């Protein structure tokens, strides 16, 4: 009886994890001096990355707080505080397990999709990213893949903003 129960629990845990869409928030450096915030959804076969906020800065060098550019210090541990609430609305009702890369790219030209079969290497670099100032981050997830029509870059670096555990994220990416 105990063996059956244990086997059943393991089987149910496997079913629960298959077909789920996982998500995390990251920053990507662009053009040497710029950055953008990405919401990333990981399915069984695809990684969808959407631009959900433009430039983020440590300071505006202005006496007026610009919360569009600078995340208040008391919110910086929460990865969701980096997301523009209006931009994320475009993705709320999407079933990523049924979404095609082509349709996803039509939402925003800055979006990209990495096919898991194209991934050559995925790893965590725990070193702090230069230029992040006092923004908390847990290193970065680096994905090296074959460029495609949905992802033109060979290497993508996802800086894990706020308080996020890289271990499950890396497992989702490596999972077939």
C-alpha atoms as a PDB file:
ATOM      1  CA  UNK A   1       0.000   0.000   0.000  1.00  0.00           C
ATOM      2  CA  UNK A   2       2.780   2.442   0.932  1.00  0.00           C
ATOM      3  CA  UNK A   3       4.681   1.758  -2.324  1.00  0.00           C
ATOM      4  CA  UNK A   4       1.514   2.451  -4.356  1.00  0.00           C
ATOM      5  CA  UNK A   5       0.907   5.709  -2.456  1.00  0.00           C
ATOM      6  CA  UNK A   6       4.496   6.897  -2.969  1.00  0.00           C
ATOM      7  CA  UNK A   7       4.406   6.035  -6.677  1.00  0.00           C
ATOM      8  CA  UNK A   8       1.069   7.822  -7.054  1.00  0.00           C
ATOM      9  CA  UNK A   9       2.353  10.984  -5.386  1.00  0.00           C
ATOM     10  CA  UNK A  10       5.466  11.064  -7.586  1.00  0.00           C
ATOM     11  CA  UNK A  11       3.333  10.502 -10.702  1.00  0.00           C
ATOM     12  CA  UNK A  12       0.944  13.318  -9.707  1.00  0.00           C
ATOM     13  CA  UNK A  13       3.875  15.666  -9.079  1.00  0.00           C
ATOM     14  CA  UNK A  14       5.166  14.850 -12.581  1.00  0.00           C
ATOM     15  CA  UNK A  15       1.773  15.546 -14.170  1.00  0.00           C
ATOM     16  CA  UNK A  16       1.485  18.806 -12.250  1.00  0.00           C
ATOM     17  CA  UNK A  17       4.834  20.068 -13.593  1.00  0.00           C
ATOM     18  CA  UNK A  18       4.341  19.034 -17.229  1.00  0.00           C
ATOM     19  CA  UNK A  19       2.578  21.579 -19.397  1.00  0.00           C
ATOM     20  CA  UNK A  20       2.857  24.412 -16.886  1.00  0.00           C
ATOM     21  CA  UNK A  21       4.053  27.851 -17.870  1.00  0.00           C
ATOM     22  CA  UNK A  22       6.609  29.272 -15.442  1.00  0.00           C
ATOM     23  CA  UNK A  23       7.641  32.920 -15.330  1.00  0.00           C
ATOM     24  CA  UNK A  24      10.297  35.296 -14.063  1.00  0.00           C
ATOM     25  CA  UNK A  25      11.341  38.944 -14.462  1.00  0.00           C
ATOM     26  CA  UNK A  26      14.709  40.015 -15.837  1.00  0.00           C
ATOM     27  CA  UNK A  27      16.665  42.968 -17.147  1.00  0.00           C
ATOM     28  CA  UNK A  28      18.504  42.834 -20.448  1.00  0.00           C
ATOM     29  CA  UNK A  29      21.235  45.285 -21.426  1.00  0.00           C
ATOM     30  CA  UNK A  30      20.832  46.675 -24.949  1.00  0.00           C
ATOM     31  CA  UNK A  31      23.087  48.806 -27.110  1.00  0.00           C
ATOM     32  CA  UNK A  32      25.893  49.046 -24.565  1.00  0.00           C
ATOM     33  CA  UNK A  33      24.276  51.693 -22.331  1.00  0.00           C
ATOM     34  CA  UNK A  34      20.552  50.938 -22.345  1.00  0.00           C
ATOM     35  CA  UNK A  35      18.402  48.303 -20.711  1.00  0.00           C
ATOM     36  CA  UNK A  36      14.879  46.974 -20.722  1.00  0.00           C
ATOM     37  CA  UNK A  37      12.782  44.889 -18.376  1.00  0.00           C
ATOM     38  CA  UNK A  38      11.514  41.544 -19.638  1.00  0.00           C
ATOM     39  CA  UNK A  39       8.795  39.250 -18.393  1.00  0.00           C
ATOM     40  CA  UNK A  40       9.825  35.732 -19.358  1.00  0.00           C
ATOM     41  CA  UNK A  41       7.465  32.761 -19.668  1.00  0.00           C
ATOM     42  CA  UNK A  42       8.921  29.257 -19.956  1.00  0.00           C
ATOM     43  CA  UNK A  43       6.839  26.439 -21.467  1.00  0.00           C
ATOM     44  CA  UNK A  44       7.817  22.845 -22.249  1.00  0.00           C
ATOM     45  CA  UNK A  45       9.317  23.827 -25.625  1.00  0.00           C
ATOM     46  CA  UNK A  46       9.587  27.641 -25.803  1.00  0.00           C
ATOM     47  CA  UNK A  47      10.877  30.619 -23.841  1.00  0.00           C
ATOM     48  CA  UNK A  48       8.849  33.792 -24.473  1.00  0.00           C
ATOM     49  CA  UNK A  49      10.465  37.115 -23.474  1.00  0.00           C
ATOM     50  CA  UNK A  50       8.368  40.293 -23.585  1.00  0.00           C
ATOM     51  CA  UNK A  51       9.505  43.860 -23.130  1.00  0.00           C
ATOM     52  CA  UNK A  52       7.363  45.069 -20.230  1.00  0.00           C
ATOM     53  CA  UNK A  53       9.280  48.232 -19.355  1.00  0.00           C
ATOM     54  CA  UNK A  54      11.851  50.424 -21.024  1.00  0.00           C
ATOM     55  CA  UNK A  55      14.935  51.963 -19.466  1.00  0.00           C
ATOM     56  CA  UNK A  56      15.491  51.654 -15.706  1.00  0.00           C
ATOM     57  CA  UNK A  57      18.049  53.854 -13.967  1.00  0.00           C
ATOM     58  CA  UNK A  58      19.553  54.256 -10.517  1.00  0.00           C
ATOM     59  CA  UNK A  59      18.843  57.987 -10.593  1.00  0.00           C
ATOM     60  CA  UNK A  60      17.506  60.635 -12.950  1.00  0.00           C
ATOM     61  CA  UNK A  61      19.766  63.360 -11.539  1.00  0.00           C
ATOM     62  CA  UNK A  62      16.582  65.344 -11.092  1.00  0.00           C
ATOM     63  CA  UNK A  63      14.965  66.693  -7.912  1.00  0.00           C
ATOM     64  CA  UNK A  64      11.671  65.170  -9.114  1.00  0.00           C
ATOM     65  CA  UNK A  65      11.225  61.407  -8.704  1.00  0.00           C
ATOM     66  CA  UNK A  66      10.446  59.692 -11.983  1.00  0.00           C
ATOM     67  CA  UNK A  67       8.965  56.311 -11.062  1.00  0.00           C
ATOM     68  CA  UNK A  68       8.816  55.384 -14.744  1.00  0.00           C
ATOM     69  CA  UNK A  69      12.625  55.426 -14.818  1.00  0.00           C
ATOM     70  CA  UNK A  70      13.667  54.781 -11.190  1.00  0.00           C
ATOM     71  CA  UNK A  71      12.218  51.995  -9.020  1.00  0.00           C
ATOM     72  CA  UNK A  72      11.759  53.240  -5.425  1.00  0.00           C
ATOM     73  CA  UNK A  73      14.242  51.560  -3.074  1.00  0.00           C
ATOM     74  CA  UNK A  74      11.552  50.058  -0.852  1.00  0.00           C
ATOM     75  CA  UNK A  75      10.105  48.166  -3.878  1.00  0.00           C
ATOM     76  CA  UNK A  76      13.323  46.885  -5.440  1.00  0.00           C
ATOM     77  CA  UNK A  77      13.239  43.387  -3.885  1.00  0.00           C
ATOM     78  CA  UNK A  78       9.924  42.644  -5.620  1.00  0.00           C
ATOM     79  CA  UNK A  79      10.546  41.573  -9.259  1.00  0.00           C
ATOM     80  CA  UNK A  80       7.016  42.674 -10.202  1.00  0.00           C
ATOM     81  CA  UNK A  81       7.752  46.289  -9.209  1.00  0.00           C
ATOM     82  CA  UNK A  82       9.990  46.560 -12.299  1.00  0.00           C
ATOM     83  CA  UNK A  83       7.071  45.907 -14.670  1.00  0.00           C
ATOM     84  CA  UNK A  84       5.027  48.624 -16.357  1.00  0.00           C
ATOM     85  CA  UNK A  85       1.437  47.785 -15.384  1.00  0.00           C
ATOM     86  CA  UNK A  86      -0.008  49.003 -18.696  1.00  0.00           C
ATOM     87  CA  UNK A  87       2.412  46.971 -20.822  1.00  0.00           C
ATOM     88  CA  UNK A  88       1.878  43.721 -18.952  1.00  0.00           C
ATOM     89  CA  UNK A  89      -1.883  43.875 -19.634  1.00  0.00           C
ATOM     90  CA  UNK A  90      -1.213  42.742 -23.222  1.00  0.00           C
ATOM     91  CA  UNK A  91      -0.149  39.343 -21.863  1.00  0.00           C
ATOM     92  CA  UNK A  92      -2.701  38.655 -19.084  1.00  0.00           C
ATOM     93  CA  UNK A  93      -5.105  36.367 -20.915  1.00  0.00           C
ATOM     94  CA  UNK A  94      -2.590  34.504 -23.055  1.00  0.00           C
ATOM     95  CA  UNK A  95      -2.287  30.730 -22.849  1.00  0.00           C
ATOM     96  CA  UNK A  96       1.445  30.412 -23.526  1.00  0.00           C
ATOM     97  CA  UNK A  97       1.190  26.656 -23.999  1.00  0.00           C
ATOM     98  CA  UNK A  98      -0.836  27.331 -27.178  1.00  0.00           C
ATOM     99  CA  UNK A  99       0.810  30.571 -28.334  1.00  0.00           C
ATOM    100  CA  UNK A 100       2.928  30.579 -31.505  1.00  0.00           C
ATOM    101  CA  UNK A 101       6.172  32.571 -31.700  1.00  0.00           C
ATOM    102  CA  UNK A 102       4.906  34.527 -34.706  1.00  0.00           C
ATOM    103  CA  UNK A 103       1.805  35.794 -32.874  1.00  0.00           C
ATOM    104  CA  UNK A 104       3.894  36.668 -29.787  1.00  0.00           C
ATOM    105  CA  UNK A 105       6.311  38.772 -31.862  1.00  0.00           C
ATOM    106  CA  UNK A 106       3.385  40.725 -33.332  1.00  0.00           C
ATOM    107  CA  UNK A 107       2.548  42.073 -29.851  1.00  0.00           C
ATOM    108  CA  UNK A 108       5.855  44.001 -29.630  1.00  0.00           C
ATOM    109  CA  UNK A 109       8.817  44.073 -32.010  1.00  0.00           C
ATOM    110  CA  UNK A 110      11.236  43.921 -29.042  1.00  0.00           C
ATOM    111  CA  UNK A 111       9.849  40.537 -27.938  1.00  0.00           C
ATOM    112  CA  UNK A 112      11.730  37.350 -28.744  1.00  0.00           C
ATOM    113  CA  UNK A 113      11.243  33.608 -28.456  1.00  0.00           C
ATOM    114  CA  UNK A 114      13.928  30.982 -27.835  1.00  0.00           C
ATOM    115  CA  UNK A 115      13.110  27.438 -28.857  1.00  0.00           C
ATOM    116  CA  UNK A 116      14.443  25.034 -26.233  1.00  0.00           C
ATOM    117  CA  UNK A 117      15.716  22.679 -28.941  1.00  0.00           C
ATOM    118  CA  UNK A 118      18.002  25.533 -30.104  1.00  0.00           C
ATOM    119  CA  UNK A 119      19.672  25.957 -26.685  1.00  0.00           C
ATOM    120  CA  UNK A 120      23.324  24.909 -26.672  1.00  0.00           C
ATOM    121  CA  UNK A 121      24.057  26.016 -23.116  1.00  0.00           C
ATOM    122  CA  UNK A 122      22.227  27.578 -20.156  1.00  0.00           C
ATOM    123  CA  UNK A 123      23.901  28.512 -16.886  1.00  0.00           C
ATOM    124  CA  UNK A 124      23.827  30.890 -13.923  1.00  0.00           C
ATOM    125  CA  UNK A 125      26.571  33.507 -13.586  1.00  0.00           C
ATOM    126  CA  UNK A 126      26.476  34.557  -9.910  1.00  0.00           C
ATOM    127  CA  UNK A 127      28.686  37.633 -10.396  1.00  0.00           C
ATOM    128  CA  UNK A 128      27.011  40.978  -9.884  1.00  0.00           C
ATOM    129  CA  UNK A 129      26.393  42.771 -13.166  1.00  0.00           C
ATOM    130  CA  UNK A 130      28.396  45.942 -13.619  1.00  0.00           C
ATOM    131  CA  UNK A 131      26.223  49.050 -13.781  1.00  0.00           C
ATOM    132  CA  UNK A 132      23.374  47.757 -11.633  1.00  0.00           C
ATOM    133  CA  UNK A 133      24.100  50.244  -8.838  1.00  0.00           C
ATOM    134  CA  UNK A 134      22.003  49.544  -5.758  1.00  0.00           C
ATOM    135  CA  UNK A 135      19.469  47.444  -7.625  1.00  0.00           C
ATOM    136  CA  UNK A 136      19.309  44.001  -5.990  1.00  0.00           C
ATOM    137  CA  UNK A 137      19.879  41.129  -8.359  1.00  0.00           C
ATOM    138  CA  UNK A 138      20.978  37.519  -8.122  1.00  0.00           C
ATOM    139  CA  UNK A 139      23.435  37.397 -10.981  1.00  0.00           C
ATOM    140  CA  UNK A 140      22.168  36.362 -14.394  1.00  0.00           C
ATOM    141  CA  UNK A 141      20.920  33.428 -16.391  1.00  0.00           C
ATOM    142  CA  UNK A 142      22.860  33.114 -19.649  1.00  0.00           C
ATOM    143  CA  UNK A 143      21.388  31.236 -22.605  1.00  0.00           C
ATOM    144  CA  UNK A 144      23.507  30.413 -25.651  1.00  0.00           C
ATOM    145  CA  UNK A 145      21.392  29.242 -28.559  1.00  0.00           C
ATOM    146  CA  UNK A 146      21.203  28.935 -32.311  1.00  0.00           C
ATOM    147  CA  UNK A 147      19.812  32.236 -33.691  1.00  0.00           C
ATOM    148  CA  UNK A 148      16.445  31.937 -35.436  1.00  0.00           C
ATOM    149  CA  UNK A 149      13.778  34.122 -37.004  1.00  0.00           C
ATOM    150  CA  UNK A 150      12.266  34.493 -33.515  1.00  0.00           C
ATOM    151  CA  UNK A 151      15.544  35.199 -31.675  1.00  0.00           C
ATOM    152  CA  UNK A 152      18.320  36.876 -33.642  1.00  0.00           C
ATOM    153  CA  UNK A 153      20.939  36.837 -30.857  1.00  0.00           C
ATOM    154  CA  UNK A 154      23.215  33.893 -30.106  1.00  0.00           C
ATOM    155  CA  UNK A 155      23.627  34.825 -26.421  1.00  0.00           C
ATOM    156  CA  UNK A 156      20.976  36.236 -24.097  1.00  0.00           C
ATOM    157  CA  UNK A 157      21.773  37.429 -20.594  1.00  0.00           C
ATOM    158  CA  UNK A 158      18.832  37.656 -18.190  1.00  0.00           C
ATOM    159  CA  UNK A 159      19.746  39.727 -15.104  1.00  0.00           C
ATOM    160  CA  UNK A 160      17.509  38.455 -12.292  1.00  0.00           C
ATOM    161  CA  UNK A 161      16.177  41.699 -10.787  1.00  0.00           C
ATOM    162  CA  UNK A 162      14.821  41.798  -7.267  1.00  0.00           C
ATOM    163  CA  UNK A 163      14.718  38.723  -5.085  1.00  0.00           C
ATOM    164  CA  UNK A 164      14.507  35.615  -7.317  1.00  0.00           C
ATOM    165  CA  UNK A 165      15.983  32.156  -6.885  1.00  0.00           C
ATOM    166  CA  UNK A 166      17.963  31.184  -9.982  1.00  0.00           C
ATOM    167  CA  UNK A 167      17.795  27.412  -9.335  1.00  0.00           C
ATOM    168  CA  UNK A 168      14.176  26.746 -10.354  1.00  0.00           C
ATOM    169  CA  UNK A 169      14.474  29.192 -13.257  1.00  0.00           C
ATOM    170  CA  UNK A 170      17.497  27.366 -14.630  1.00  0.00           C
ATOM    171  CA  UNK A 171      15.708  24.022 -14.170  1.00  0.00           C
ATOM    172  CA  UNK A 172      12.671  25.266 -16.138  1.00  0.00           C
ATOM    173  CA  UNK A 173      14.931  26.392 -18.972  1.00  0.00           C
ATOM    174  CA  UNK A 174      16.865  23.103 -19.079  1.00  0.00           C
ATOM    175  CA  UNK A 175      13.759  20.921 -18.755  1.00  0.00           C
ATOM    176  CA  UNK A 176      12.623  19.219 -21.971  1.00  0.00           C
END
